[in-house]
PDB file of N, CA and C in Angstrom:
ATOM      1  N   MET A   1     145.332 137.420  87.652  1.00  0.00           N
ATOM      2  CA  MET A   1     145.018 136.543  86.650  1.00  0.00           C
ATOM      3  C   MET A   1     143.498 136.882  86.579  1.00  0.00           C
ATOM      4  N   ALA A   2     142.957 136.839  85.334  1.00  0.00           N
ATOM      5  CA  ALA A   2     141.627 137.173  84.920  1.00  0.00           C
ATOM      6  C   ALA A   2     141.026 135.605  85.022  1.00  0.00           C
ATOM      7  N   PRO A   3     139.619 135.544  85.913  1.00  0.00           N
ATOM      8  CA  PRO A   3     139.186 134.181  85.330  1.00  0.00           C
ATOM      9  C   PRO A   3     138.802 133.673  84.077  1.00  0.00           C
ATOM     10  N   HIS A   4     138.498 132.522  84.148  1.00  0.00           N
ATOM     11  CA  HIS A   4     138.550 131.832  82.435  1.00  0.00           C
ATOM     12  C   HIS A   4     137.005 131.899  82.465  1.00  0.00           C
ATOM     13  N   PRO A   5     136.535 132.170  81.135  1.00  0.00           N
ATOM     14  CA  PRO A   5     135.258 132.114  81.047  1.00  0.00           C
ATOM     15  C   PRO A   5     134.682 130.704  80.639  1.00  0.00           C
ATOM     16  N   THR A   6     133.372 130.554  81.147  1.00  0.00           N
ATOM     17  CA  THR A   6     132.961 128.965  81.452  1.00  0.00           C
ATOM     18  C   THR A   6     132.349 128.507  79.792  1.00  0.00           C
ATOM     19  N   PRO A   7     132.765 127.841  79.204  1.00  0.00           N
ATOM     20  CA  PRO A   7     132.348 127.395  77.973  1.00  0.00           C
ATOM     21  C   PRO A   7     131.131 126.885  77.891  1.00  0.00           C
ATOM     22  N   GLN A   8     130.197 127.456  77.000  1.00  0.00           N
ATOM     23  CA  GLN A   8     128.628 126.790  76.784  1.00  0.00           C
ATOM     24  C   GLN A   8     128.719 125.576  76.091  1.00  0.00           C
ATOM     25  N   ILE A   9     128.656 124.502  76.472  1.00  0.00           N
ATOM     26  CA  ILE A   9     128.495 123.313  75.995  1.00  0.00           C
ATOM     27  C   ILE A   9     127.374 123.042  75.236  1.00  0.00           C
ATOM     28  N   HIS A  10     126.175 123.474  75.629  1.00  0.00           N
ATOM     29  CA  HIS A  10     124.794 123.035  75.248  1.00  0.00           C
ATOM     30  C   HIS A  10     124.025 124.461  74.949  1.00  0.00           C
ATOM     31  N   PRO A  11     123.650 124.865  73.739  1.00  0.00           N
ATOM     32  CA  PRO A  11     123.041 126.379  73.684  1.00  0.00           C
ATOM     33  C   PRO A  11     121.793 126.267  74.824  1.00  0.00           C
ATOM     34  N   ILE A  12     121.501 127.432  74.866  1.00  0.00           N
ATOM     35  CA  ILE A  12     120.456 127.678  76.040  1.00  0.00           C
ATOM     36  C   ILE A  12     119.126 127.701  75.065  1.00  0.00           C
ATOM     37  N   PRO A  13     118.090 126.915  75.765  1.00  0.00           N
ATOM     38  CA  PRO A  13     116.883 126.574  74.949  1.00  0.00           C
ATOM     39  C   PRO A  13     115.972 127.815  75.060  1.00  0.00           C
ATOM     40  N   THR A  14     115.209 127.726  73.705  1.00  0.00           N
ATOM     41  CA  THR A  14     114.411 129.004  73.615  1.00  0.00           C
ATOM     42  C   THR A  14     113.432 129.023  74.576  1.00  0.00           C
ATOM     43  N   GLN A  15     112.567 129.962  74.615  1.00  0.00           N
ATOM     44  CA  GLN A  15     111.333 130.133  75.392  1.00  0.00           C
ATOM     45  C   GLN A  15     110.346 129.005  75.120  1.00  0.00           C
ATOM     46  N   GLU A  16     110.087 128.873  73.821  1.00  0.00           N
ATOM     47  CA  GLU A  16     109.109 127.886  73.331  1.00  0.00           C
ATOM     48  C   GLU A  16     109.431 126.443  74.078  1.00  0.00           C
ATOM     49  N   ALA A  17     111.051 126.024  73.848  1.00  0.00           N
ATOM     50  CA  ALA A  17     111.282 124.677  74.158  1.00  0.00           C
ATOM     51  C   ALA A  17     111.310 124.737  75.670  1.00  0.00           C
ATOM     52  N   GLN A  18     111.467 125.671  76.622  1.00  0.00           N
ATOM     53  CA  GLN A  18     111.179 125.782  77.861  1.00  0.00           C
ATOM     54  C   GLN A  18     109.685 125.258  78.379  1.00  0.00           C
ATOM     55  N   GLU A  19     108.970 126.094  77.403  1.00  0.00           N
ATOM     56  CA  GLU A  19     107.584 125.851  77.760  1.00  0.00           C
ATOM     57  C   GLU A  19     106.997 124.418  77.258  1.00  0.00           C
ATOM     58  N   ARG A  20     107.429 123.833  76.292  1.00  0.00           N
ATOM     59  CA  ARG A  20     107.225 122.449  75.874  1.00  0.00           C
ATOM     60  C   ARG A  20     107.686 121.505  76.938  1.00  0.00           C
ATOM     61  N   LEU A  21     108.747 121.693  77.356  1.00  0.00           N
ATOM     62  CA  LEU A  21     109.253 121.064  78.640  1.00  0.00           C
ATOM     63  C   LEU A  21     108.487 120.850  79.931  1.00  0.00           C
ATOM     64  N   LYS A  22     108.310 122.034  80.242  1.00  0.00           N
ATOM     65  CA  LYS A  22     107.260 122.322  81.464  1.00  0.00           C
ATOM     66  C   LYS A  22     105.758 121.550  81.143  1.00  0.00           C
ATOM     67  N   ARG A  23     105.233 121.421  79.910  1.00  0.00           N
ATOM     68  CA  ARG A  23     104.078 120.773  79.725  1.00  0.00           C
ATOM     69  C   ARG A  23     104.354 119.428  79.900  1.00  0.00           C
ATOM     70  N   ARG A  24     105.461 118.733  79.128  1.00  0.00           N
ATOM     71  CA  ARG A  24     105.802 117.479  79.412  1.00  0.00           C
ATOM     72  C   ARG A  24     106.039 116.982  80.769  1.00  0.00           C
ATOM     73  N   LEU A  25     106.396 117.671  81.675  1.00  0.00           N
ATOM     74  CA  LEU A  25     106.779 117.316  82.968  1.00  0.00           C
ATOM     75  C   LEU A  25     105.504 117.477  83.786  1.00  0.00           C
ATOM     76  N   GLN A  26     104.523 118.124  83.573  1.00  0.00           N
ATOM     77  CA  GLN A  26     103.483 118.317  84.342  1.00  0.00           C
ATOM     78  C   GLN A  26     102.364 117.472  83.716  1.00  0.00           C
ATOM     79  N   THR A  27     102.412 116.581  82.861  1.00  0.00           N
ATOM     80  CA  THR A  27     101.517 115.593  82.625  1.00  0.00           C
ATOM     81  C   THR A  27     101.458 114.472  83.271  1.00  0.00           C
ATOM     82  N   PRO A  28     100.369 113.847  83.892  1.00  0.00           N
ATOM     83  CA  PRO A  28     100.423 112.790  84.721  1.00  0.00           C
ATOM     84  C   PRO A  28     101.459 111.681  84.504  1.00  0.00           C
ATOM     85  N   LYS A  29     101.483 111.245  83.305  1.00  0.00           N
ATOM     86  CA  LYS A  29     102.096 110.018  83.081  1.00  0.00           C
ATOM     87  C   LYS A  29     103.543 110.217  82.559  1.00  0.00           C
ATOM     88  N   ALA A  30     103.943 111.567  82.579  1.00  0.00           N
ATOM     89  CA  ALA A  30     105.057 111.860  81.862  1.00  0.00           C
ATOM     90  C   ALA A  30     106.352 111.184  82.336  1.00  0.00           C
ATOM     91  N   MET A  31     106.398 110.940  83.544  1.00  0.00           N
ATOM     92  CA  MET A  31     107.603 110.152  84.120  1.00  0.00           C
ATOM     93  C   MET A  31     107.454 108.790  84.521  1.00  0.00           C
ATOM     94  N   ALA A  32     106.301 108.225  84.194  1.00  0.00           N
ATOM     95  CA  ALA A  32     105.952 106.802  84.272  1.00  0.00           C
ATOM     96  C   ALA A  32     106.980 105.714  83.439  1.00  0.00           C
ATOM     97  N   PRO A  33     107.433 104.934  83.891  1.00  0.00           N
ATOM     98  CA  PRO A  33     108.139 104.135  83.137  1.00  0.00           C
ATOM     99  C   PRO A  33     107.414 103.090  82.291  1.00  0.00           C
ATOM    100  N   ALA A  34     108.005 102.807  81.129  1.00  0.00           N
ATOM    101  CA  ALA A  34     107.418 101.954  80.253  1.00  0.00           C
ATOM    102  C   ALA A  34     107.218 100.377  80.653  1.00  0.00           C
ATOM    103  N   PRO A  35     106.325  99.851  80.180  1.00  0.00           N
ATOM    104  CA  PRO A  35     106.241  98.472  80.906  1.00  0.00           C
ATOM    105  C   PRO A  35     107.244  97.494  80.425  1.00  0.00           C
ATOM    106  N   ARG A  36     107.776  97.903  79.165  1.00  0.00           N
ATOM    107  CA  ARG A  36     109.057  97.034  78.911  1.00  0.00           C
ATOM    108  C   ARG A  36     110.223  96.950  79.732  1.00  0.00           C
ATOM    109  N   GLN A  37     110.373  98.472  80.495  1.00  0.00           N
ATOM    110  CA  GLN A  37     111.200  99.005  81.410  1.00  0.00           C
ATOM    111  C   GLN A  37     111.354  98.113  82.659  1.00  0.00           C
ATOM    112  N   ARG A  38     109.969  97.790  83.108  1.00  0.00           N
ATOM    113  CA  ARG A  38     109.564  97.103  84.210  1.00  0.00           C
ATOM    114  C   ARG A  38     109.970  95.833  84.023  1.00  0.00           C
ATOM    115  N   GLN A  39     109.671  95.059  82.719  1.00  0.00           N
ATOM    116  CA  GLN A  39     110.147  93.783  82.697  1.00  0.00           C
ATOM    117  C   GLN A  39     111.598  93.442  82.666  1.00  0.00           C
ATOM    118  N   ILE A  40     112.186  94.399  82.053  1.00  0.00           N
ATOM    119  CA  ILE A  40     113.554  94.430  82.157  1.00  0.00           C
ATOM    120  C   ILE A  40     114.195  94.342  83.492  1.00  0.00           C
ATOM    121  N   GLN A  41     113.599  95.372  84.180  1.00  0.00           N
ATOM    122  CA  GLN A  41     114.083  95.399  85.726  1.00  0.00           C
ATOM    123  C   GLN A  41     113.831  93.970  86.426  1.00  0.00           C
ATOM    124  N   VAL A  42     112.851  93.337  86.385  1.00  0.00           N
ATOM    125  CA  VAL A  42     112.312  92.265  87.138  1.00  0.00           C
ATOM    126  C   VAL A  42     113.407  91.143  86.744  1.00  0.00           C
ATOM    127  N   LEU A  43     113.575  90.880  85.262  1.00  0.00           N
ATOM    128  CA  LEU A  43     114.299  90.109  84.729  1.00  0.00           C
ATOM    129  C   LEU A  43     115.937  90.410  85.429  1.00  0.00           C
ATOM    130  N   SER A  44     116.301  91.521  85.448  1.00  0.00           N
ATOM    131  CA  SER A  44     117.608  91.550  85.721  1.00  0.00           C
ATOM    132  C   SER A  44     117.674  91.232  87.470  1.00  0.00           C
ATOM    133  N   TRP A  45     116.788  91.344  88.152  1.00  0.00           N
ATOM    134  CA  TRP A  45     116.988  90.957  89.468  1.00  0.00           C
ATOM    135  C   TRP A  45     116.739  89.653  89.678  1.00  0.00           C
ATOM    136  N   ALA A  46     116.095  88.995  88.954  1.00  0.00           N
ATOM    137  CA  ALA A  46     116.037  87.599  88.893  1.00  0.00           C
ATOM    138  C   ALA A  46     117.283  86.730  88.503  1.00  0.00           C
ATOM    139  N   ALA A  47     117.804  87.411  87.549  1.00  0.00           N
ATOM    140  CA  ALA A  47     119.247  86.867  87.062  1.00  0.00           C
ATOM    141  C   ALA A  47     120.341  87.266  88.080  1.00  0.00           C
ATOM    142  N   SER A  48     120.239  88.439  88.859  1.00  0.00           N
ATOM    143  CA  SER A  48     121.282  88.634  89.743  1.00  0.00           C
ATOM    144  C   SER A  48     121.066  87.843  90.882  1.00  0.00           C
ATOM    145  N   ILE A  49     119.880  87.554  91.495  1.00  0.00           N
ATOM    146  CA  ILE A  49     119.516  86.501  92.721  1.00  0.00           C
ATOM    147  C   ILE A  49     120.134  85.184  92.092  1.00  0.00           C
ATOM    148  N   GLY A  50     119.868  84.729  90.967  1.00  0.00           N
ATOM    149  CA  GLY A  50     120.038  83.424  90.603  1.00  0.00           C
ATOM    150  C   GLY A  50     121.438  83.290  90.405  1.00  0.00           C
ATOM    151  N   LEU A  51     122.296  84.227  89.855  1.00  0.00           N
ATOM    152  CA  LEU A  51     123.609  84.169  89.798  1.00  0.00           C
ATOM    153  C   LEU A  51     124.489  84.281  91.082  1.00  0.00           C
ATOM    154  N   SER A  52     123.844  85.049  91.903  1.00  0.00           N
ATOM    155  CA  SER A  52     124.416  85.094  93.269  1.00  0.00           C
ATOM    156  C   SER A  52     124.476  83.723  94.197  1.00  0.00           C
ATOM    157  N   ALA A  53     123.144  83.245  94.121  1.00  0.00           N
ATOM    158  CA  ALA A  53     122.993  81.840  94.578  1.00  0.00           C
ATOM    159  C   ALA A  53     123.883  81.000  93.934  1.00  0.00           C
ATOM    160  N   TYR A  54     124.032  80.824  92.720  1.00  0.00           N
ATOM    161  CA  TYR A  54     125.001  80.116  91.931  1.00  0.00           C
ATOM    162  C   TYR A  54     126.338  79.986  92.697  1.00  0.00           C
ATOM    163  N   VAL A  55     126.930  81.312  92.716  1.00  0.00           N
ATOM    164  CA  VAL A  55     128.113  81.545  93.197  1.00  0.00           C
ATOM    165  C   VAL A  55     128.300  81.110  94.501  1.00  0.00           C
ATOM    166  N   VAL A  56     127.503  81.394  95.505  1.00  0.00           N
ATOM    167  CA  VAL A  56     127.502  81.189  96.939  1.00  0.00           C
ATOM    168  C   VAL A  56     127.401  79.758  97.219  1.00  0.00           C
ATOM    169  N   LEU A  57     126.379  78.778  96.383  1.00  0.00           N
ATOM    170  CA  LEU A  57     126.370  77.548  96.854  1.00  0.00           C
ATOM    171  C   LEU A  57     127.138  76.513  95.962  1.00  0.00           C
ATOM    172  N   PHE A  58     127.442  76.933  94.757  1.00  0.00           N
ATOM    173  CA  PHE A  58     127.914  75.872  93.742  1.00  0.00           C
ATOM    174  C   PHE A  58     129.337  76.240  92.963  1.00  0.00           C
ATOM    175  N   ALA A  59     129.682  77.420  92.897  1.00  0.00           N
ATOM    176  CA  ALA A  59     130.897  77.796  92.237  1.00  0.00           C
ATOM    177  C   ALA A  59     132.193  77.052  92.968  1.00  0.00           C
ATOM    178  N   ASP A  60     132.898  76.655  92.021  1.00  0.00           N
ATOM    179  CA  ASP A  60     134.141  76.130  92.394  1.00  0.00           C
ATOM    180  C   ASP A  60     135.303  77.044  92.829  1.00  0.00           C
ATOM    181  N   PHE A  61     135.791  77.308  94.250  1.00  0.00           N
ATOM    182  CA  PHE A  61     136.853  78.129  94.731  1.00  0.00           C
ATOM    183  C   PHE A  61     138.053  77.173  95.206  1.00  0.00           C
ATOM    184  N   GLY A  62     138.050  75.987  94.783  1.00  0.00           N
ATOM    185  CA  GLY A  62     139.053  75.147  95.236  1.00  0.00           C
ATOM    186  C   GLY A  62     138.791  74.564  96.487  1.00  0.00           C
ATOM    187  N   THR A  63     139.810  73.720  97.130  1.00  0.00           N
ATOM    188  CA  THR A  63     139.536  72.996  98.388  1.00  0.00           C
ATOM    189  C   THR A  63     139.642  73.844  99.526  1.00  0.00           C
ATOM    190  N   GLU A  64     140.116  74.984  99.516  1.00  0.00           N
ATOM    191  CA  GLU A  64     140.511  75.684 100.895  1.00  0.00           C
ATOM    192  C   GLU A  64     138.939  76.356 101.341  1.00  0.00           C
ATOM    193  N   LYS A  65     138.909  76.569 102.472  1.00  0.00           N
ATOM    194  CA  LYS A  65     138.158  77.238 103.204  1.00  0.00           C
ATOM    195  C   LYS A  65     138.016  78.639 102.552  1.00  0.00           C
ATOM    196  N   ASN A  66     136.771  79.192 102.536  1.00  0.00           N
ATOM    197  CA  ASN A  66     136.456  80.637 102.011  1.00  0.00           C
ATOM    198  C   ASN A  66     135.072  81.170 102.862  1.00  0.00           C
ATOM    199  N   CYS A  67     134.670  82.241 102.267  1.00  0.00           N
ATOM    200  CA  CYS A  67     133.909  82.728 103.077  1.00  0.00           C
ATOM    201  C   CYS A  67     132.478  82.018 102.952  1.00  0.00           C
ATOM    202  N   TYR A  68     132.299  81.505 101.880  1.00  0.00           N
ATOM    203  CA  TYR A  68     131.021  80.641 101.531  1.00  0.00           C
ATOM    204  C   TYR A  68     131.012  79.233 102.234  1.00  0.00           C
ATOM    205  N   THR A  69     131.967  78.710 102.741  1.00  0.00           N
ATOM    206  CA  THR A  69     131.973  77.502 103.319  1.00  0.00           C
ATOM    207  C   THR A  69     130.952  77.119 104.416  1.00  0.00           C
ATOM    208  N   PRO A  70     130.499  78.220 105.077  1.00  0.00           N
ATOM    209  CA  PRO A  70     129.704  77.769 106.291  1.00  0.00           C
ATOM    210  C   PRO A  70     128.338  77.777 105.669  1.00  0.00           C
ATOM    211  N   ILE A  71     127.762  78.557 104.871  1.00  0.00           N
ATOM    212  CA  ILE A  71     126.425  78.435 104.068  1.00  0.00           C
ATOM    213  C   ILE A  71     126.281  77.281 103.408  1.00  0.00           C
ATOM    214  N   ARG A  72     127.465  76.906 102.649  1.00  0.00           N
ATOM    215  CA  ARG A  72     127.632  75.610 101.751  1.00  0.00           C
ATOM    216  C   ARG A  72     127.375  74.507 102.448  1.00  0.00           C
ATOM    217  N   GLU A  73     128.113  74.444 103.628  1.00  0.00           N
ATOM    218  CA  GLU A  73     127.975  73.135 104.587  1.00  0.00           C
ATOM    219  C   GLU A  73     126.510  72.846 105.108  1.00  0.00           C
ATOM    220  N   TRP A  74     125.644  74.394 105.371  1.00  0.00           N
ATOM    221  CA  TRP A  74     124.470  74.360 106.065  1.00  0.00           C
ATOM    222  C   TRP A  74     123.271  73.571 104.740  1.00  0.00           C
ATOM    223  N   PHE A  75     124.021  74.278 103.506  1.00  0.00           N
ATOM    224  CA  PHE A  75     123.022  73.850 102.632  1.00  0.00           C
ATOM    225  C   PHE A  75     123.027  72.584 102.231  1.00  0.00           C
ATOM    226  N   GLN A  76     124.434  71.783 102.141  1.00  0.00           N
ATOM    227  CA  GLN A  76     124.445  70.472 101.808  1.00  0.00           C
ATOM    228  C   GLN A  76     123.848  69.521 102.954  1.00  0.00           C
ATOM    229  N   GLU A  77     123.894  69.996 104.110  1.00  0.00           N
ATOM    230  CA  GLU A  77     123.182  69.047 105.168  1.00  0.00           C
ATOM    231  C   GLU A  77     121.676  69.241 105.225  1.00  0.00           C
ATOM    232  N   LYS A  78     121.051  70.501 104.727  1.00  0.00           N
ATOM    233  CA  LYS A  78     119.781  70.514 104.411  1.00  0.00           C
ATOM    234  C   LYS A  78     119.149  69.705 103.101  1.00  0.00           C
ATOM    235  N   LYS A  79     119.860  69.736 102.289  1.00  0.00           N
ATOM    236  CA  LYS A  79     119.848  68.976 100.954  1.00  0.00           C
ATOM    237  C   LYS A  79     119.706  67.545 101.149  1.00  0.00           C
ATOM    238  N   SER A  80     120.714  66.940 102.155  1.00  0.00           N
ATOM    239  CA  SER A  80     121.012  65.602 102.334  1.00  0.00           C
ATOM    240  C   SER A  80     119.541  65.257 103.216  1.00  0.00           C
ATOM    241  N   ARG A  81     119.565  66.107 103.937  1.00  0.00           N
ATOM    242  CA  ARG A  81     118.242  65.746 104.977  1.00  0.00           C
ATOM    243  C   ARG A  81     117.014  65.578 104.051  1.00  0.00           C
ATOM    244  N   PHE A  82     116.887  66.542 103.052  1.00  0.00           N
ATOM    245  CA  PHE A  82     115.463  66.420 102.314  1.00  0.00           C
ATOM    246  C   PHE A  82     115.503  65.146 101.366  1.00  0.00           C
ATOM    247  N   TRP A  83     116.592  64.707 100.914  1.00  0.00           N
ATOM    248  CA  TRP A  83     116.607  63.736  99.764  1.00  0.00           C
ATOM    249  C   TRP A  83     116.901  62.293 100.375  1.00  0.00           C
ATOM    250  N   THR A  84     116.861  62.313 101.895  1.00  0.00           N
ATOM    251  CA  THR A  84     117.303  60.832 102.400  1.00  0.00           C
ATOM    252  C   THR A  84     116.111  60.586 103.379  1.00  0.00           C
ATOM    253  N   LEU A  85     115.969  59.268 103.732  1.00  0.00           N
ATOM    254  CA  LEU A  85     114.595  59.002 104.516  1.00  0.00           C
ATOM    255  C   LEU A  85     115.325  58.690 105.721  1.00  0.00           C
ATOM    256  N   SER A  86     114.109  59.091 106.777  1.00  0.00           N
ATOM    257  CA  SER A  86     114.603  58.879 108.237  1.00  0.00           C
ATOM    258  C   SER A  86     114.474  57.454 108.708  1.00  0.00           C
ATOM    259  N   GLU A  87     114.848  57.047 109.793  1.00  0.00           N
ATOM    260  CA  GLU A  87     114.751  55.688 110.165  1.00  0.00           C
ATOM    261  C   GLU A  87     113.014  55.316 110.332  1.00  0.00           C
ATOM    262  N   GLN A  88     112.493  56.259 110.797  1.00  0.00           N
ATOM    263  CA  GLN A  88     110.744  56.200 110.932  1.00  0.00           C
ATOM    264  C   GLN A  88     110.286  55.853 109.454  1.00  0.00           C
ATOM    265  N   GLU A  89     110.631  56.598 108.717  1.00  0.00           N
ATOM    266  CA  GLU A  89     110.090  56.622 107.247  1.00  0.00           C
ATOM    267  C   GLU A  89     110.422  55.177 106.605  1.00  0.00           C
ATOM    268  N   LYS A  90     111.686  54.689 106.684  1.00  0.00           N
ATOM    269  CA  LYS A  90     112.042  53.547 106.150  1.00  0.00           C
ATOM    270  C   LYS A  90     111.326  52.455 106.698  1.00  0.00           C
ATOM    271  N   GLN A  91     111.126  52.436 108.062  1.00  0.00           N
ATOM    272  CA  GLN A  91     110.331  51.456 108.919  1.00  0.00           C
ATOM    273  C   GLN A  91     108.875  51.377 108.188  1.00  0.00           C
ATOM    274  N   ASP A  92     108.487  52.651 108.073  1.00  0.00           N
ATOM    275  CA  ASP A  92     107.076  52.586 107.702  1.00  0.00           C
ATOM    276  C   ASP A  92     106.906  51.948 106.178  1.00  0.00           C
ATOM    277  N   LEU A  93     108.035  52.388 105.487  1.00  0.00           N
ATOM    278  CA  LEU A  93     108.109  51.788 103.966  1.00  0.00           C
ATOM    279  C   LEU A  93     108.258  50.254 104.174  1.00  0.00           C
ATOM    280  N   LYS A  94     109.082  49.856 104.880  1.00  0.00           N
ATOM    281  CA  LYS A  94     109.039  48.326 105.081  1.00  0.00           C
ATOM    282  C   LYS A  94     107.729  47.678 105.665  1.00  0.00           C
ATOM    283  N   ASP A  95     106.896  48.246 106.542  1.00  0.00           N
ATOM    284  CA  ASP A  95     105.766  47.725 107.021  1.00  0.00           C
ATOM    285  C   ASP A  95     104.769  47.565 105.794  1.00  0.00           C
ATOM    286  N   GLN A  96     104.891  48.551 104.932  1.00  0.00           N
ATOM    287  CA  GLN A  96     104.052  48.649 103.686  1.00  0.00           C
ATOM    288  C   GLN A  96     104.383  47.730 102.780  1.00  0.00           C
ATOM    289  N   GLY A  97     105.522  47.258 102.764  1.00  0.00           N
ATOM    290  CA  GLY A  97     106.207  46.427 101.787  1.00  0.00           C
ATOM    291  C   GLY A  97     106.542  47.143 100.406  1.00  0.00           C
ATOM    292  N   LYS A  98     107.115  48.279 100.654  1.00  0.00           N
ATOM    293  CA  LYS A  98     107.465  49.001  99.421  1.00  0.00           C
ATOM    294  C   LYS A  98     108.738  49.240  99.391  1.00  0.00           C
ATOM    295  N   LEU A  99     109.503  48.777 100.513  1.00  0.00           N
ATOM    296  CA  LEU A  99     111.160  48.786 100.706  1.00  0.00           C
ATOM    297  C   LEU A  99     111.856  47.776 100.753  1.00  0.00           C
TER     298      LEU A  99
END
């Protein structure tokens, strides 16, 4: 059986087109990303991190335990310790007459 010929999908570039491409690639800023591209990249990273944090800490997966339960319990404990006063802080506020 004879081998099938490989179809050419794209035309072969001319010598002039090849030279133009070489000049473009050899310029110092030819491959540098555009400033807008960097902004979009930073925005996509921020959105990914924010959405991941939401899913891990706040999304409702029902009452059953899941793989996020330990970190959620840790987060709830840290959050409650941050927003509540310790006994020493309560006593200090009572002494100052503010509680």
